[in-house]
Amino acid sequence: MTREEKIQNILDATRALIEEKTKSGELTAEMAAAILECQNSAIAAVN
């Protein structure tokens, strides 16, 4: 799997999680910030 594919998988998973939390009414600003921070860390770790 290429680096680009791995990054795309991370982005897709983040998008799905945010959509799920939004639909259920659970998403807060703090949660969204934490999710994006984790996303960015995961992307930075991909080689």
PDB file of N, CA and C in Angstrom:
ATOM      1  N   MET A   1       0.854  -1.165   0.000  1.00  0.00           N
ATOM      2  CA  MET A   1       0.000   0.000   0.000  1.00  0.00           C
ATOM      3  C   MET A   1       0.907   1.237   0.000  1.00  0.00           C
ATOM      4  N   THR A   2       0.587   2.180  -0.843  1.00  0.00           N
ATOM      5  CA  THR A   2       1.410   3.387  -0.933  1.00  0.00           C
ATOM      6  C   THR A   2       1.087   4.340   0.199  1.00  0.00           C
ATOM      7  N   ARG A   3       1.977   5.294   0.400  1.00  0.00           N
ATOM      8  CA  ARG A   3       1.775   6.311   1.438  1.00  0.00           C
ATOM      9  C   ARG A   3       0.477   7.078   1.179  1.00  0.00           C
ATOM     10  N   GLU A   4       0.228   7.395  -0.072  1.00  0.00           N
ATOM     11  CA  GLU A   4      -0.986   8.137  -0.430  1.00  0.00           C
ATOM     12  C   GLU A   4      -2.239   7.342  -0.098  1.00  0.00           C
ATOM     13  N   GLU A   5      -2.210   6.035  -0.347  1.00  0.00           N
ATOM     14  CA  GLU A   5      -3.361   5.186  -0.027  1.00  0.00           C
ATOM     15  C   GLU A   5      -3.586   5.116   1.485  1.00  0.00           C
ATOM     16  N   LYS A   6      -2.504   5.008   2.229  1.00  0.00           N
ATOM     17  CA  LYS A   6      -2.623   4.978   3.687  1.00  0.00           C
ATOM     18  C   LYS A   6      -3.226   6.281   4.209  1.00  0.00           C
ATOM     19  N   ILE A   7      -2.748   7.401   3.681  1.00  0.00           N
ATOM     20  CA  ILE A   7      -3.274   8.699   4.098  1.00  0.00           C
ATOM     21  C   ILE A   7      -4.744   8.815   3.723  1.00  0.00           C
ATOM     22  N   GLN A   8      -5.112   8.356   2.537  1.00  0.00           N
ATOM     23  CA  GLN A   8      -6.513   8.411   2.114  1.00  0.00           C
ATOM     24  C   GLN A   8      -7.383   7.573   3.039  1.00  0.00           C
ATOM     25  N   ASN A   9      -6.888   6.417   3.473  1.00  0.00           N
ATOM     26  CA  ASN A   9      -7.635   5.578   4.419  1.00  0.00           C
ATOM     27  C   ASN A   9      -7.853   6.307   5.736  1.00  0.00           C
ATOM     28  N   ILE A  10      -6.829   6.992   6.218  1.00  0.00           N
ATOM     29  CA  ILE A  10      -6.953   7.767   7.462  1.00  0.00           C
ATOM     30  C   ILE A  10      -7.998   8.866   7.287  1.00  0.00           C
ATOM     31  N   LEU A  11      -7.934   9.585   6.180  1.00  0.00           N
ATOM     32  CA  LEU A  11      -8.899  10.661   5.927  1.00  0.00           C
ATOM     33  C   LEU A  11     -10.318  10.116   5.831  1.00  0.00           C
ATOM     34  N   ASP A  12     -10.490   8.987   5.148  1.00  0.00           N
ATOM     35  CA  ASP A  12     -11.819   8.373   5.014  1.00  0.00           C
ATOM     36  C   ASP A  12     -12.367   7.947   6.374  1.00  0.00           C
ATOM     37  N   ALA A  13     -11.508   7.351   7.202  1.00  0.00           N
ATOM     38  CA  ALA A  13     -11.943   6.914   8.528  1.00  0.00           C
ATOM     39  C   ALA A  13     -12.318   8.104   9.404  1.00  0.00           C
ATOM     40  N   THR A  14     -11.535   9.176   9.316  1.00  0.00           N
ATOM     41  CA  THR A  14     -11.842  10.383  10.088  1.00  0.00           C
ATOM     42  C   THR A  14     -13.178  10.964   9.656  1.00  0.00           C
ATOM     43  N   ARG A  15     -13.390  11.047   8.355  1.00  0.00           N
ATOM     44  CA  ARG A  15     -14.645  11.584   7.828  1.00  0.00           C
ATOM     45  C   ARG A  15     -15.825  10.750   8.306  1.00  0.00           C
ATOM     46  N   ALA A  16     -15.694   9.423   8.255  1.00  0.00           N
ATOM     47  CA  ALA A  16     -16.774   8.532   8.681  1.00  0.00           C
ATOM     48  C   ALA A  16     -17.068   8.700  10.170  1.00  0.00           C
ATOM     49  N   LEU A  17     -16.027   8.814  10.977  1.00  0.00           N
ATOM     50  CA  LEU A  17     -16.216   8.983  12.422  1.00  0.00           C
ATOM     51  C   LEU A  17     -16.913  10.300  12.735  1.00  0.00           C
ATOM     52  N   ILE A  18     -16.494  11.362  12.100  1.00  0.00           N
ATOM     53  CA  ILE A  18     -17.118  12.670  12.345  1.00  0.00           C
ATOM     54  C   ILE A  18     -18.581  12.658  11.895  1.00  0.00           C
ATOM     55  N   GLU A  19     -18.863  12.031  10.748  1.00  0.00           N
ATOM     56  CA  GLU A  19     -20.255  11.935  10.286  1.00  0.00           C
ATOM     57  C   GLU A  19     -21.104  11.141  11.280  1.00  0.00           C
ATOM     58  N   GLU A  20     -20.556  10.031  11.772  1.00  0.00           N
ATOM     59  CA  GLU A  20     -21.286   9.187  12.733  1.00  0.00           C
ATOM     60  C   GLU A  20     -21.593   9.958  14.013  1.00  0.00           C
ATOM     61  N   LYS A  21     -20.589  10.643  14.543  1.00  0.00           N
ATOM     62  CA  LYS A  21     -20.769  11.394  15.790  1.00  0.00           C
ATOM     63  C   LYS A  21     -21.710  12.580  15.583  1.00  0.00           C
ATOM     64  N   THR A  22     -21.679  13.186  14.405  1.00  0.00           N
ATOM     65  CA  THR A  22     -22.578  14.300  14.109  1.00  0.00           C
ATOM     66  C   THR A  22     -24.027  13.820  14.054  1.00  0.00           C
ATOM     67  N   LYS A  23     -24.253  12.710  13.359  1.00  0.00           N
ATOM     68  CA  LYS A  23     -25.608  12.177  13.221  1.00  0.00           C
ATOM     69  C   LYS A  23     -26.200  11.765  14.562  1.00  0.00           C
ATOM     70  N   SER A  24     -25.345  11.245  15.459  1.00  0.00           N
ATOM     71  CA  SER A  24     -25.846  10.803  16.751  1.00  0.00           C
ATOM     72  C   SER A  24     -25.944  11.949  17.757  1.00  0.00           C
ATOM     73  N   GLY A  25     -25.445  13.125  17.375  1.00  0.00           N
ATOM     74  CA  GLY A  25     -25.498  14.282  18.257  1.00  0.00           C
ATOM     75  C   GLY A  25     -24.417  14.297  19.323  1.00  0.00           C
ATOM     76  N   GLU A  26     -23.441  13.434  19.206  1.00  0.00           N
ATOM     77  CA  GLU A  26     -22.384  13.321  20.210  1.00  0.00           C
ATOM     78  C   GLU A  26     -21.184  14.229  19.950  1.00  0.00           C
ATOM     79  N   LEU A  27     -21.063  14.765  18.754  1.00  0.00           N
ATOM     80  CA  LEU A  27     -19.868  15.514  18.394  1.00  0.00           C
ATOM     81  C   LEU A  27     -19.845  16.879  19.070  1.00  0.00           C
ATOM     82  N   THR A  28     -18.787  17.120  19.812  1.00  0.00           N
ATOM     83  CA  THR A  28     -18.572  18.431  20.423  1.00  0.00           C
ATOM     84  C   THR A  28     -17.351  19.056  19.748  1.00  0.00           C
ATOM     85  N   ALA A  29     -17.158  20.330  19.979  1.00  0.00           N
ATOM     86  CA  ALA A  29     -15.995  21.002  19.404  1.00  0.00           C
ATOM     87  C   ALA A  29     -14.705  20.377  19.918  1.00  0.00           C
ATOM     88  N   GLU A  30     -14.686  20.032  21.192  1.00  0.00           N
ATOM     89  CA  GLU A  30     -13.498  19.423  21.775  1.00  0.00           C
ATOM     90  C   GLU A  30     -13.226  18.058  21.162  1.00  0.00           C
ATOM     91  N   MET A  31     -14.281  17.278  20.955  1.00  0.00           N
ATOM     92  CA  MET A  31     -14.119  15.962  20.352  1.00  0.00           C
ATOM     93  C   MET A  31     -13.624  16.093  18.916  1.00  0.00           C
ATOM     94  N   ALA A  32     -14.175  17.024  18.168  1.00  0.00           N
ATOM     95  CA  ALA A  32     -13.746  17.232  16.790  1.00  0.00           C
ATOM     96  C   ALA A  32     -12.268  17.626  16.738  1.00  0.00           C
ATOM     97  N   ALA A  33     -11.861  18.494  17.640  1.00  0.00           N
ATOM     98  CA  ALA A  33     -10.453  18.903  17.685  1.00  0.00           C
ATOM     99  C   ALA A  33      -9.555  17.717  18.016  1.00  0.00           C
ATOM    100  N   ALA A  34      -9.975  16.877  18.946  1.00  0.00           N
ATOM    101  CA  ALA A  34      -9.181  15.706  19.322  1.00  0.00           C
ATOM    102  C   ALA A  34      -9.093  14.713  18.164  1.00  0.00           C
ATOM    103  N   ILE A  35     -10.189  14.522  17.464  1.00  0.00           N
ATOM    104  CA  ILE A  35     -10.195  13.607  16.320  1.00  0.00           C
ATOM    105  C   ILE A  35      -9.235  14.106  15.246  1.00  0.00           C
ATOM    106  N   LEU A  36      -9.282  15.388  14.952  1.00  0.00           N
ATOM    107  CA  LEU A  36      -8.398  15.945  13.930  1.00  0.00           C
ATOM    108  C   LEU A  36      -6.934  15.906  14.367  1.00  0.00           C
ATOM    109  N   GLU A  37      -6.694  16.094  15.643  1.00  0.00           N
ATOM    110  CA  GLU A  37      -5.323  15.998  16.157  1.00  0.00           C
ATOM    111  C   GLU A  37      -4.796  14.572  15.989  1.00  0.00           C
ATOM    112  N   CYS A  38      -5.629  13.597  16.293  1.00  0.00           N
ATOM    113  CA  CYS A  38      -5.230  12.205  16.104  1.00  0.00           C
ATOM    114  C   CYS A  38      -5.008  11.887  14.625  1.00  0.00           C
ATOM    115  N   GLN A  39      -5.870  12.429  13.785  1.00  0.00           N
ATOM    116  CA  GLN A  39      -5.717  12.238  12.342  1.00  0.00           C
ATOM    117  C   GLN A  39      -4.365  12.774  11.879  1.00  0.00           C
ATOM    118  N   ASN A  40      -4.045  13.964  12.308  1.00  0.00           N
ATOM    119  CA  ASN A  40      -2.786  14.575  11.896  1.00  0.00           C
ATOM    120  C   ASN A  40      -1.586  13.795  12.409  1.00  0.00           C
ATOM    121  N   SER A  41      -1.670  13.269  13.617  1.00  0.00           N
ATOM    122  CA  SER A  41      -0.596  12.448  14.169  1.00  0.00           C
ATOM    123  C   SER A  41      -0.437  11.161  13.371  1.00  0.00           C
ATOM    124  N   ALA A  42      -1.546  10.554  13.013  1.00  0.00           N
ATOM    125  CA  ALA A  42      -1.500   9.319  12.232  1.00  0.00           C
ATOM    126  C   ALA A  42      -0.888   9.578  10.855  1.00  0.00           C
ATOM    127  N   ILE A  43      -1.267  10.675  10.227  1.00  0.00           N
ATOM    128  CA  ILE A  43      -0.702  11.006   8.915  1.00  0.00           C
ATOM    129  C   ILE A  43       0.799  11.254   9.033  1.00  0.00           C
ATOM    130  N   ALA A  44       1.206  11.938  10.077  1.00  0.00           N
ATOM    131  CA  ALA A  44       2.630  12.223  10.274  1.00  0.00           C
ATOM    132  C   ALA A  44       3.433  10.936  10.485  1.00  0.00           C
ATOM    133  N   ALA A  45       2.805   9.910  11.048  1.00  0.00           N
ATOM    134  CA  ALA A  45       3.494   8.657  11.324  1.00  0.00           C
ATOM    135  C   ALA A  45       3.571   7.727  10.120  1.00  0.00           C
ATOM    136  N   VAL A  46       2.785   8.007   9.082  1.00  0.00           N
ATOM    137  CA  VAL A  46       2.770   7.150   7.907  1.00  0.00           C
ATOM    138  C   VAL A  46       4.071   7.321   7.123  1.00  0.00           C
ATOM    139  N   ASN A  47       4.627   6.194   6.708  1.00  0.00           N
ATOM    140  CA  ASN A  47       5.833   6.275   5.879  1.00  0.00           C
ATOM    141  C   ASN A  47       5.689   5.476   4.620  1.00  0.00           C
TER     142      ASN A  47
END
